[in-house]
Amino acid sequence: MRYGRLGFWYRLVVVVARPSLALTTRREWHGQDLIPRDGGFILAANHISYVDPMSLGIYVLEAGRVPKYLAKSSLFERPLIKHVFIGANQIPVYRGTADASRALSAAVDAVNNGDCLLIYPEGSATRDPDCWPMKARTGVARLALMTGAPVIPVAQWGPQKLWRYKAKFPHPFPPKKVQVVAGAPVDLSAYAGKPLTAEVLREVTDLIMARITDLLIELRGGQPPAVTYDPKLAA
């Protein structure tokens, strides 16, 4: 992909991130052929590290699409980050808005306009001690059902060994193996046209997260805990 198509701020991040990741990681990527080549879609991934937005972004870029990230609106207010996010045309989500549909209006517009929207359904990096996905927010389900767009599940493993969430410093050497795999679109046909009740949104969210978790099992092996970590209960 030609970086000139990305705009200055997006291009700057990629130009810095790509060689840095090349020095500190070893790629093991699968499923890029399942990333749609055109049209709007939602890419839903697990979140395990400070660096996985960069490594996953490169994965999607090299599959031929420019991902737009859905991020909490407070990040758009931080002095340095806001210039990057705004300049790169990323998408804010306004948590705490009384009307949940309005909170995601910019994301819905992006998908309907043909963009690739990258979302972390958990809302932040997992707090599960073994880095299994934690209980997700229902925004990904609302987006999927409001737009009717394909939802591509993605799992990633390895970035947490480079820089785990809450760790003060990264551990770049020796280089860490970073695995990413995309799956086929999640079949949500059974929910088409249904009202967006809390029950429906939870079911769809859990279905999407189950697909992500299945892909993650393929990468890391083992089994997730019988009870999914819930940050609200742990608070």
C-alpha atoms as a PDB file:
ATOM      1  CA  MET A   1       0.000   0.000   0.000  1.00  0.00           C
ATOM      2  CA  ARG A   2       1.209   3.498  -0.784  1.00  0.00           C
ATOM      3  CA  TYR A   3       1.503   5.439   2.446  1.00  0.00           C
ATOM      4  CA  GLY A   4       0.709   8.649   0.618  1.00  0.00           C
ATOM      5  CA  ARG A   5      -2.959   7.586   0.560  1.00  0.00           C
ATOM      6  CA  LEU A   6      -3.119   7.595   4.341  1.00  0.00           C
ATOM      7  CA  GLY A   7      -2.749  11.273   5.144  1.00  0.00           C
ATOM      8  CA  PHE A   8       0.108  12.863   7.086  1.00  0.00           C
ATOM      9  CA  TRP A   9      -0.661  11.737  10.651  1.00  0.00           C
ATOM     10  CA  TYR A  10      -1.624   8.201   9.718  1.00  0.00           C
ATOM     11  CA  ARG A  11       1.422   7.894   7.477  1.00  0.00           C
ATOM     12  CA  LEU A  12       3.672   9.206  10.251  1.00  0.00           C
ATOM     13  CA  VAL A  13       2.461   6.565  12.701  1.00  0.00           C
ATOM     14  CA  VAL A  14       2.940   3.786  10.144  1.00  0.00           C
ATOM     15  CA  VAL A  15       6.409   4.973   9.133  1.00  0.00           C
ATOM     16  CA  VAL A  16       7.481   4.917  12.789  1.00  0.00           C
ATOM     17  CA  ALA A  17       5.656   1.732  13.805  1.00  0.00           C
ATOM     18  CA  ARG A  18       6.527  -0.544  10.920  1.00  0.00           C
ATOM     19  CA  PRO A  19      10.340  -0.559  11.279  1.00  0.00           C
ATOM     20  CA  SER A  20      10.050  -0.638  15.082  1.00  0.00           C
ATOM     21  CA  LEU A  21       7.892  -3.751  14.902  1.00  0.00           C
ATOM     22  CA  ALA A  22      10.184  -5.298  12.314  1.00  0.00           C
ATOM     23  CA  LEU A  23      13.039  -5.060  14.841  1.00  0.00           C
ATOM     24  CA  THR A  24      11.140  -6.312  17.864  1.00  0.00           C
ATOM     25  CA  THR A  25       8.697  -8.896  16.501  1.00  0.00           C
ATOM     26  CA  ARG A  26       8.514 -11.959  14.264  1.00  0.00           C
ATOM     27  CA  ARG A  27       5.310 -12.188  12.284  1.00  0.00           C
ATOM     28  CA  GLU A  28       3.067 -15.200  12.027  1.00  0.00           C
ATOM     29  CA  TRP A  29       0.029 -13.960  10.146  1.00  0.00           C
ATOM     30  CA  HIS A  30      -2.917 -15.896   8.785  1.00  0.00           C
ATOM     31  CA  GLY A  31      -6.282 -15.146   7.201  1.00  0.00           C
ATOM     32  CA  GLN A  32      -5.531 -11.856   5.457  1.00  0.00           C
ATOM     33  CA  ASP A  33      -7.416 -13.196   2.428  1.00  0.00           C
ATOM     34  CA  LEU A  34     -10.575 -13.041   4.578  1.00  0.00           C
ATOM     35  CA  ILE A  35     -10.312  -9.260   4.964  1.00  0.00           C
ATOM     36  CA  PRO A  36     -12.867  -7.755   2.515  1.00  0.00           C
ATOM     37  CA  ARG A  37     -11.199  -5.870  -0.325  1.00  0.00           C
ATOM     38  CA  ASP A  38     -13.973  -3.290  -0.585  1.00  0.00           C
ATOM     39  CA  GLY A  39     -17.101  -2.123   1.197  1.00  0.00           C
ATOM     40  CA  GLY A  40     -17.712  -1.309   4.816  1.00  0.00           C
ATOM     41  CA  PHE A  41     -17.123  -3.913   7.493  1.00  0.00           C
ATOM     42  CA  ILE A  42     -16.336  -4.306  11.187  1.00  0.00           C
ATOM     43  CA  LEU A  43     -13.125  -5.954  12.332  1.00  0.00           C
ATOM     44  CA  ALA A  44     -13.494  -7.145  15.942  1.00  0.00           C
ATOM     45  CA  ALA A  45     -10.345  -8.187  17.820  1.00  0.00           C
ATOM     46  CA  ASN A  46      -9.107  -9.099  21.284  1.00  0.00           C
ATOM     47  CA  HIS A  47      -6.922  -6.501  23.023  1.00  0.00           C
ATOM     48  CA  ILE A  48      -3.884  -7.593  25.047  1.00  0.00           C
ATOM     49  CA  SER A  49      -1.143  -4.975  24.805  1.00  0.00           C
ATOM     50  CA  TYR A  50      -0.172  -1.354  24.336  1.00  0.00           C
ATOM     51  CA  VAL A  51       1.365  -2.259  20.973  1.00  0.00           C
ATOM     52  CA  ASP A  52      -1.285  -4.505  19.432  1.00  0.00           C
ATOM     53  CA  PRO A  53      -3.157  -1.580  17.821  1.00  0.00           C
ATOM     54  CA  MET A  54       0.004  -0.931  15.797  1.00  0.00           C
ATOM     55  CA  SER A  55       0.742  -4.548  14.901  1.00  0.00           C
ATOM     56  CA  LEU A  56      -2.888  -5.230  14.013  1.00  0.00           C
ATOM     57  CA  GLY A  57      -3.058  -2.010  12.015  1.00  0.00           C
ATOM     58  CA  ILE A  58      -0.083  -3.097   9.894  1.00  0.00           C
ATOM     59  CA  TYR A  59      -1.733  -6.503   9.400  1.00  0.00           C
ATOM     60  CA  VAL A  60      -4.870  -4.843   8.027  1.00  0.00           C
ATOM     61  CA  LEU A  61      -2.949  -2.318   5.916  1.00  0.00           C
ATOM     62  CA  GLU A  62      -0.962  -5.076   4.267  1.00  0.00           C
ATOM     63  CA  ALA A  63      -4.239  -6.858   3.515  1.00  0.00           C
ATOM     64  CA  GLY A  64      -5.138  -3.809   1.424  1.00  0.00           C
ATOM     65  CA  ARG A  65      -7.460  -1.864   3.746  1.00  0.00           C
ATOM     66  CA  VAL A  66      -6.997   1.253   5.863  1.00  0.00           C
ATOM     67  CA  PRO A  67      -8.448   0.604   9.332  1.00  0.00           C
ATOM     68  CA  LYS A  68     -10.231   3.290  11.263  1.00  0.00           C
ATOM     69  CA  TYR A  69     -10.123   2.739  15.000  1.00  0.00           C
ATOM     70  CA  LEU A  70     -13.061   3.172  17.310  1.00  0.00           C
ATOM     71  CA  ALA A  71     -11.698   4.801  20.471  1.00  0.00           C
ATOM     72  CA  LYS A  72     -13.207   6.371  23.571  1.00  0.00           C
ATOM     73  CA  SER A  73     -13.763  10.090  23.127  1.00  0.00           C
ATOM     74  CA  SER A  74     -11.532  11.025  26.086  1.00  0.00           C
ATOM     75  CA  LEU A  75      -8.478  10.017  24.028  1.00  0.00           C
ATOM     76  CA  PHE A  76      -9.346  12.795  21.595  1.00  0.00           C
ATOM     77  CA  GLU A  77      -8.799  15.327  24.397  1.00  0.00           C
ATOM     78  CA  ARG A  78      -5.246  14.351  25.387  1.00  0.00           C
ATOM     79  CA  PRO A  79      -2.668  16.927  24.239  1.00  0.00           C
ATOM     80  CA  LEU A  80      -0.494  14.841  21.897  1.00  0.00           C
ATOM     81  CA  ILE A  81      -2.751  11.916  21.084  1.00  0.00           C
ATOM     82  CA  LYS A  82      -5.642  14.106  19.973  1.00  0.00           C
ATOM     83  CA  HIS A  83      -3.644  15.527  17.049  1.00  0.00           C
ATOM     84  CA  VAL A  84      -2.849  12.032  15.804  1.00  0.00           C
ATOM     85  CA  PHE A  85      -6.390  10.720  16.261  1.00  0.00           C
ATOM     86  CA  ILE A  86      -8.093  13.738  14.701  1.00  0.00           C
ATOM     87  CA  GLY A  87      -5.497  14.073  11.931  1.00  0.00           C
ATOM     88  CA  ALA A  88      -5.833  10.390  11.058  1.00  0.00           C
ATOM     89  CA  ASN A  89      -9.665  10.619  10.975  1.00  0.00           C
ATOM     90  CA  GLN A  90     -10.209   8.050  13.698  1.00  0.00           C
ATOM     91  CA  ILE A  91     -13.656   7.523  15.219  1.00  0.00           C
ATOM     92  CA  PRO A  92     -14.701   8.629  18.741  1.00  0.00           C
ATOM     93  CA  VAL A  93     -17.296   6.768  20.780  1.00  0.00           C
ATOM     94  CA  TYR A  94     -19.077   8.825  23.418  1.00  0.00           C
ATOM     95  CA  ARG A  95     -19.551   6.591  26.428  1.00  0.00           C
ATOM     96  CA  GLY A  96     -22.150   7.693  28.929  1.00  0.00           C
ATOM     97  CA  THR A  97     -24.380   9.193  26.247  1.00  0.00           C
ATOM     98  CA  ALA A  98     -28.040   8.665  27.102  1.00  0.00           C
ATOM     99  CA  ASP A  99     -28.857   7.559  23.539  1.00  0.00           C
ATOM    100  CA  ALA A 100     -26.588   4.580  22.769  1.00  0.00           C
ATOM    101  CA  SER A 101     -27.272   4.872  19.028  1.00  0.00           C
ATOM    102  CA  ARG A 102     -26.083   8.489  18.979  1.00  0.00           C
ATOM    103  CA  ALA A 103     -22.932   7.502  20.873  1.00  0.00           C
ATOM    104  CA  LEU A 104     -21.953   5.341  17.887  1.00  0.00           C
ATOM    105  CA  SER A 105     -23.280   7.596  15.127  1.00  0.00           C
ATOM    106  CA  ALA A 106     -19.839   8.450  13.700  1.00  0.00           C
ATOM    107  CA  ALA A 107     -18.922   4.750  13.613  1.00  0.00           C
ATOM    108  CA  VAL A 108     -22.164   3.850  11.837  1.00  0.00           C
ATOM    109  CA  ASP A 109     -21.513   6.577   9.254  1.00  0.00           C
ATOM    110  CA  ALA A 110     -17.962   5.297   8.685  1.00  0.00           C
ATOM    111  CA  VAL A 111     -19.111   1.727   8.040  1.00  0.00           C
ATOM    112  CA  ASN A 112     -21.979   2.867   5.807  1.00  0.00           C
ATOM    113  CA  ASN A 113     -19.485   4.960   3.838  1.00  0.00           C
ATOM    114  CA  GLY A 114     -17.406   1.881   3.094  1.00  0.00           C
ATOM    115  CA  ASP A 115     -14.688   2.069   5.748  1.00  0.00           C
ATOM    116  CA  CYS A 116     -12.964  -0.718   7.644  1.00  0.00           C
ATOM    117  CA  LEU A 117     -13.787  -0.100  11.296  1.00  0.00           C
ATOM    118  CA  LEU A 118     -11.484  -1.762  13.809  1.00  0.00           C
ATOM    119  CA  ILE A 119     -13.046  -2.235  17.221  1.00  0.00           C
ATOM    120  CA  TYR A 120     -11.948  -3.855  20.459  1.00  0.00           C
ATOM    121  CA  PRO A 121     -15.254  -5.149  21.884  1.00  0.00           C
ATOM    122  CA  GLU A 122     -13.773  -5.416  25.392  1.00  0.00           C
ATOM    123  CA  GLY A 123     -13.328  -1.626  25.423  1.00  0.00           C
ATOM    124  CA  SER A 124      -9.763  -1.788  26.736  1.00  0.00           C
ATOM    125  CA  ALA A 125      -6.937  -4.274  27.147  1.00  0.00           C
ATOM    126  CA  THR A 126      -8.031  -7.419  28.948  1.00  0.00           C
ATOM    127  CA  ARG A 127      -7.578  -7.595  32.691  1.00  0.00           C
ATOM    128  CA  ASP A 128      -7.759 -11.386  32.698  1.00  0.00           C
ATOM    129  CA  PRO A 129      -4.564 -12.650  34.403  1.00  0.00           C
ATOM    130  CA  ASP A 130      -3.841 -15.061  31.532  1.00  0.00           C
ATOM    131  CA  CYS A 131      -4.832 -12.594  28.798  1.00  0.00           C
ATOM    132  CA  TRP A 132      -8.006 -14.387  27.743  1.00  0.00           C
ATOM    133  CA  PRO A 133     -10.744 -12.044  26.494  1.00  0.00           C
ATOM    134  CA  MET A 134     -12.820 -10.450  29.222  1.00  0.00           C
ATOM    135  CA  LYS A 135     -16.534  -9.685  29.118  1.00  0.00           C
ATOM    136  CA  ALA A 136     -17.154  -7.332  26.212  1.00  0.00           C
ATOM    137  CA  ARG A 137     -19.296  -4.258  25.864  1.00  0.00           C
ATOM    138  CA  THR A 138     -22.281  -4.517  23.527  1.00  0.00           C
ATOM    139  CA  GLY A 139     -21.265  -1.691  21.183  1.00  0.00           C
ATOM    140  CA  VAL A 140     -19.923  -4.146  18.597  1.00  0.00           C
ATOM    141  CA  ALA A 141     -23.319  -5.880  18.433  1.00  0.00           C
ATOM    142  CA  ARG A 142     -25.163  -2.584  18.126  1.00  0.00           C
ATOM    143  CA  LEU A 143     -22.873  -1.510  15.283  1.00  0.00           C
ATOM    144  CA  ALA A 144     -23.242  -4.827  13.487  1.00  0.00           C
ATOM    145  CA  LEU A 145     -27.035  -4.870  13.693  1.00  0.00           C
ATOM    146  CA  MET A 146     -27.457  -1.164  12.867  1.00  0.00           C
ATOM    147  CA  THR A 147     -25.290  -1.382   9.745  1.00  0.00           C
ATOM    148  CA  GLY A 148     -25.776  -4.982   8.607  1.00  0.00           C
ATOM    149  CA  ALA A 149     -22.069  -4.974   7.758  1.00  0.00           C
ATOM    150  CA  PRO A 150     -19.905  -8.113   7.929  1.00  0.00           C
ATOM    151  CA  VAL A 151     -18.117  -8.704  11.225  1.00  0.00           C
ATOM    152  CA  ILE A 152     -14.654 -10.207  10.772  1.00  0.00           C
ATOM    153  CA  PRO A 153     -13.296 -11.805  13.989  1.00  0.00           C
ATOM    154  CA  VAL A 154      -9.570 -11.466  14.616  1.00  0.00           C
ATOM    155  CA  ALA A 155      -7.395 -12.957  17.339  1.00  0.00           C
ATOM    156  CA  GLN A 156      -3.871 -11.923  18.219  1.00  0.00           C
ATOM    157  CA  TRP A 157      -1.271 -13.347  20.549  1.00  0.00           C
ATOM    158  CA  GLY A 158       2.276 -12.287  21.377  1.00  0.00           C
ATOM    159  CA  PRO A 159       2.135  -8.467  21.626  1.00  0.00           C
ATOM    160  CA  GLN A 160       1.620  -8.777  25.396  1.00  0.00           C
ATOM    161  CA  LYS A 161       5.111 -10.289  25.637  1.00  0.00           C
ATOM    162  CA  LEU A 162       6.494  -7.145  24.037  1.00  0.00           C
ATOM    163  CA  TRP A 163       4.574  -4.666  26.198  1.00  0.00           C
ATOM    164  CA  ARG A 164       1.849  -5.932  28.471  1.00  0.00           C
ATOM    165  CA  TYR A 165      -0.879  -3.605  29.632  1.00  0.00           C
ATOM    166  CA  LYS A 166       0.052  -1.781  32.864  1.00  0.00           C
ATOM    167  CA  ALA A 167       3.753  -2.648  32.478  1.00  0.00           C
ATOM    168  CA  LYS A 168       5.937   0.453  32.799  1.00  0.00           C
ATOM    169  CA  PHE A 169       8.327  -0.455  30.009  1.00  0.00           C
ATOM    170  CA  PRO A 170       8.402  -2.671  26.909  1.00  0.00           C
ATOM    171  CA  HIS A 171      10.639  -5.726  26.573  1.00  0.00           C
ATOM    172  CA  PRO A 172      11.727  -5.525  22.938  1.00  0.00           C
ATOM    173  CA  PHE A 173      14.512  -8.102  22.906  1.00  0.00           C
ATOM    174  CA  PRO A 174      14.770 -10.834  21.960  1.00  0.00           C
ATOM    175  CA  PRO A 175      12.114 -10.255  19.279  1.00  0.00           C
ATOM    176  CA  LYS A 176       8.693 -11.645  20.185  1.00  0.00           C
ATOM    177  CA  LYS A 177       6.554 -13.830  17.939  1.00  0.00           C
ATOM    178  CA  VAL A 178       3.340 -11.960  17.098  1.00  0.00           C
ATOM    179  CA  GLN A 179       0.513 -14.097  15.765  1.00  0.00           C
ATOM    180  CA  VAL A 180      -2.596 -12.702  14.082  1.00  0.00           C
ATOM    181  CA  VAL A 181      -5.413 -14.644  12.459  1.00  0.00           C
ATOM    182  CA  ALA A 182      -8.666 -13.489  10.874  1.00  0.00           C
ATOM    183  CA  GLY A 183     -11.723 -15.704  10.544  1.00  0.00           C
ATOM    184  CA  ALA A 184     -14.732 -15.860   8.258  1.00  0.00           C
ATOM    185  CA  PRO A 185     -17.541 -13.359   8.917  1.00  0.00           C
ATOM    186  CA  VAL A 186     -19.664 -14.100  11.963  1.00  0.00           C
ATOM    187  CA  ASP A 187     -23.090 -15.362  10.899  1.00  0.00           C
ATOM    188  CA  LEU A 188     -25.605 -12.952  12.421  1.00  0.00           C
ATOM    189  CA  SER A 189     -28.457 -13.717  10.019  1.00  0.00           C
ATOM    190  CA  ALA A 190     -30.638 -15.026  12.861  1.00  0.00           C
ATOM    191  CA  TYR A 191     -30.679 -11.537  14.383  1.00  0.00           C
ATOM    192  CA  ALA A 192     -31.500  -9.517  11.254  1.00  0.00           C
ATOM    193  CA  GLY A 193     -34.444  -7.226  11.847  1.00  0.00           C
ATOM    194  CA  LYS A 194     -34.709  -7.984  15.554  1.00  0.00           C
ATOM    195  CA  PRO A 195     -35.185  -5.066  17.977  1.00  0.00           C
ATOM    196  CA  LEU A 196     -32.003  -3.984  19.703  1.00  0.00           C
ATOM    197  CA  THR A 197     -32.935  -5.177  23.159  1.00  0.00           C
ATOM    198  CA  ALA A 198     -30.365  -5.717  25.881  1.00  0.00           C
ATOM    199  CA  GLU A 199     -30.823  -9.473  25.516  1.00  0.00           C
ATOM    200  CA  VAL A 200     -30.236  -9.459  21.761  1.00  0.00           C
ATOM    201  CA  LEU A 201     -27.205  -7.185  22.061  1.00  0.00           C
ATOM    202  CA  ARG A 202     -25.662  -9.423  24.710  1.00  0.00           C
ATOM    203  CA  GLU A 203     -26.275 -12.574  22.673  1.00  0.00           C
ATOM    204  CA  VAL A 204     -24.687 -11.082  19.552  1.00  0.00           C
ATOM    205  CA  THR A 205     -21.751  -9.709  21.503  1.00  0.00           C
ATOM    206  CA  ASP A 206     -21.117 -13.067  23.148  1.00  0.00           C
ATOM    207  CA  LEU A 207     -21.346 -14.815  19.770  1.00  0.00           C
ATOM    208  CA  ILE A 208     -18.735 -12.480  18.278  1.00  0.00           C
ATOM    209  CA  MET A 209     -16.455 -12.905  21.290  1.00  0.00           C
ATOM    210  CA  ALA A 210     -16.839 -16.697  21.117  1.00  0.00           C
ATOM    211  CA  ARG A 211     -15.540 -16.615  17.538  1.00  0.00           C
ATOM    212  CA  ILE A 212     -12.599 -14.457  18.588  1.00  0.00           C
ATOM    213  CA  THR A 213     -11.854 -16.803  21.475  1.00  0.00           C
ATOM    214  CA  ASP A 214     -11.977 -19.862  19.205  1.00  0.00           C
ATOM    215  CA  LEU A 215      -9.386 -18.231  16.953  1.00  0.00           C
ATOM    216  CA  LEU A 216      -7.273 -17.354  19.970  1.00  0.00           C
ATOM    217  CA  ILE A 217      -7.308 -20.983  21.117  1.00  0.00           C
ATOM    218  CA  GLU A 218      -5.891 -21.930  17.706  1.00  0.00           C
ATOM    219  CA  LEU A 219      -2.986 -19.527  18.262  1.00  0.00           C
ATOM    220  CA  ARG A 220      -2.060 -20.115  21.905  1.00  0.00           C
ATOM    221  CA  GLY A 221      -3.611 -23.464  22.781  1.00  0.00           C
ATOM    222  CA  GLY A 222      -5.244 -24.242  26.099  1.00  0.00           C
ATOM    223  CA  GLN A 223      -8.750 -23.325  27.159  1.00  0.00           C
ATOM    224  CA  PRO A 224     -10.227 -20.076  28.491  1.00  0.00           C
ATOM    225  CA  PRO A 225     -11.589 -19.966  32.046  1.00  0.00           C
ATOM    226  CA  ALA A 226     -15.061 -21.417  32.567  1.00  0.00           C
ATOM    227  CA  VAL A 227     -16.245 -17.999  33.758  1.00  0.00           C
ATOM    228  CA  THR A 228     -15.258 -15.017  31.626  1.00  0.00           C
ATOM    229  CA  TYR A 229     -13.451 -12.290  33.544  1.00  0.00           C
ATOM    230  CA  ASP A 230     -15.803  -9.390  34.223  1.00  0.00           C
ATOM    231  CA  PRO A 231     -14.018  -6.117  35.091  1.00  0.00           C
ATOM    232  CA  LYS A 232     -17.196  -4.721  36.681  1.00  0.00           C
ATOM    233  CA  LEU A 233     -17.295  -7.555  39.183  1.00  0.00           C
ATOM    234  CA  ALA A 234     -13.574  -7.257  39.872  1.00  0.00           C
ATOM    235  CA  ALA A 235     -13.746  -3.500  40.545  1.00  0.00           C
END
